[in-house]
């Protein structure tokens, strides 16, 4: 399993389990880089994919947050 897939899986798991509710801040790219010892591009790709799936919202200069249910 790739690091990107691990990051996505762990964040998605916390969202789906209810551990992280709507509006909860998701770790930043830099926090993910430190925690997973990965490149920023890897962290960015994982967050971008979660955003494209509608699980998180990315707000420029504010961060990433768990999306509200549609």
C-alpha atoms as a PDB file:
ATOM      1  CA  UNK A   1       0.000   0.000   0.000  1.00  0.00           C
ATOM      2  CA  UNK A   2       1.384   3.395  -0.954  1.00  0.00           C
ATOM      3  CA  UNK A   3       1.880   6.188   1.573  1.00  0.00           C
ATOM      4  CA  UNK A   4      -0.764   8.233  -0.233  1.00  0.00           C
ATOM      5  CA  UNK A   5      -3.269   5.377   0.112  1.00  0.00           C
ATOM      6  CA  UNK A   6      -2.400   5.001   3.805  1.00  0.00           C
ATOM      7  CA  UNK A   7      -2.975   8.711   4.444  1.00  0.00           C
ATOM      8  CA  UNK A   8      -6.285   8.652   2.570  1.00  0.00           C
ATOM      9  CA  UNK A   9      -7.401   5.461   4.318  1.00  0.00           C
ATOM     10  CA  UNK A  10      -6.657   6.725   7.800  1.00  0.00           C
ATOM     11  CA  UNK A  11      -8.331  10.097   7.256  1.00  0.00           C
ATOM     12  CA  UNK A  12     -11.337   8.490   5.566  1.00  0.00           C
ATOM     13  CA  UNK A  13     -11.627   5.980   8.417  1.00  0.00           C
ATOM     14  CA  UNK A  14     -11.722   8.728  11.027  1.00  0.00           C
ATOM     15  CA  UNK A  15     -14.372  10.612   9.061  1.00  0.00           C
ATOM     16  CA  UNK A  16     -16.602   7.578   8.398  1.00  0.00           C
ATOM     17  CA  UNK A  17     -16.340   6.365  12.015  1.00  0.00           C
ATOM     18  CA  UNK A  18     -17.522   9.752  13.254  1.00  0.00           C
ATOM     19  CA  UNK A  19     -14.268  10.433  15.113  1.00  0.00           C
ATOM     20  CA  UNK A  20     -13.910  13.561  12.960  1.00  0.00           C
ATOM     21  CA  UNK A  21     -17.224  15.326  12.396  1.00  0.00           C
ATOM     22  CA  UNK A  22     -18.162  18.001   9.873  1.00  0.00           C
ATOM     23  CA  UNK A  23     -15.996  21.093  10.215  1.00  0.00           C
ATOM     24  CA  UNK A  24     -13.140  19.282  11.974  1.00  0.00           C
ATOM     25  CA  UNK A  25      -9.748  20.486  10.743  1.00  0.00           C
ATOM     26  CA  UNK A  26      -7.746  17.835   8.904  1.00  0.00           C
ATOM     27  CA  UNK A  27      -3.942  17.767   9.378  1.00  0.00           C
ATOM     28  CA  UNK A  28      -2.027  20.106   7.082  1.00  0.00           C
ATOM     29  CA  UNK A  29       0.283  18.902   4.325  1.00  0.00           C
ATOM     30  CA  UNK A  30       3.245  19.728   6.565  1.00  0.00           C
ATOM     31  CA  UNK A  31       1.779  17.784   9.506  1.00  0.00           C
ATOM     32  CA  UNK A  32       1.183  14.799   7.218  1.00  0.00           C
ATOM     33  CA  UNK A  33       4.738  15.101   5.841  1.00  0.00           C
ATOM     34  CA  UNK A  34       6.093  14.882   9.384  1.00  0.00           C
ATOM     35  CA  UNK A  35       3.782  12.079  10.533  1.00  0.00           C
ATOM     36  CA  UNK A  36       4.255   9.866   7.466  1.00  0.00           C
ATOM     37  CA  UNK A  37       7.760  10.968   6.467  1.00  0.00           C
ATOM     38  CA  UNK A  38       6.619  11.668   2.936  1.00  0.00           C
ATOM     39  CA  UNK A  39       7.002  14.354   0.292  1.00  0.00           C
ATOM     40  CA  UNK A  40       4.651  17.317   0.253  1.00  0.00           C
ATOM     41  CA  UNK A  41       3.380  16.212  -3.170  1.00  0.00           C
ATOM     42  CA  UNK A  42       2.265  12.897  -1.644  1.00  0.00           C
ATOM     43  CA  UNK A  43       0.360  14.636   1.161  1.00  0.00           C
ATOM     44  CA  UNK A  44      -1.151  17.087  -1.326  1.00  0.00           C
ATOM     45  CA  UNK A  45      -2.280  14.288  -3.632  1.00  0.00           C
ATOM     46  CA  UNK A  46      -3.958  12.426  -0.750  1.00  0.00           C
ATOM     47  CA  UNK A  47      -5.827  15.542   0.399  1.00  0.00           C
ATOM     48  CA  UNK A  48      -6.789  16.472  -3.161  1.00  0.00           C
ATOM     49  CA  UNK A  49      -8.244  13.021  -3.747  1.00  0.00           C
ATOM     50  CA  UNK A  50     -10.267  13.186  -0.514  1.00  0.00           C
ATOM     51  CA  UNK A  51     -11.557  16.586  -1.622  1.00  0.00           C
ATOM     52  CA  UNK A  52     -12.530  15.280  -5.062  1.00  0.00           C
ATOM     53  CA  UNK A  53     -14.456  12.468  -3.332  1.00  0.00           C
ATOM     54  CA  UNK A  54     -16.331  15.069  -1.285  1.00  0.00           C
ATOM     55  CA  UNK A  55     -15.008  13.949   2.102  1.00  0.00           C
ATOM     56  CA  UNK A  56     -13.071  17.131   2.857  1.00  0.00           C
ATOM     57  CA  UNK A  57     -13.143  20.766   1.791  1.00  0.00           C
ATOM     58  CA  UNK A  58      -9.906  22.619   1.113  1.00  0.00           C
ATOM     59  CA  UNK A  59      -9.923  26.331   1.832  1.00  0.00           C
ATOM     60  CA  UNK A  60      -6.982  28.408   0.684  1.00  0.00           C
ATOM     61  CA  UNK A  61      -5.021  29.842   3.617  1.00  0.00           C
ATOM     62  CA  UNK A  62      -7.432  28.259   6.116  1.00  0.00           C
ATOM     63  CA  UNK A  63      -6.767  24.538   5.755  1.00  0.00           C
ATOM     64  CA  UNK A  64      -8.723  21.381   5.055  1.00  0.00           C
ATOM     65  CA  UNK A  65     -11.881  20.466   6.921  1.00  0.00           C
ATOM     66  CA  UNK A  66     -14.270  17.523   7.040  1.00  0.00           C
ATOM     67  CA  UNK A  67     -17.078  18.297   4.604  1.00  0.00           C
ATOM     68  CA  UNK A  68     -20.665  18.639   5.709  1.00  0.00           C
ATOM     69  CA  UNK A  69     -22.915  15.858   4.377  1.00  0.00           C
ATOM     70  CA  UNK A  70     -24.661  16.736   1.112  1.00  0.00           C
END
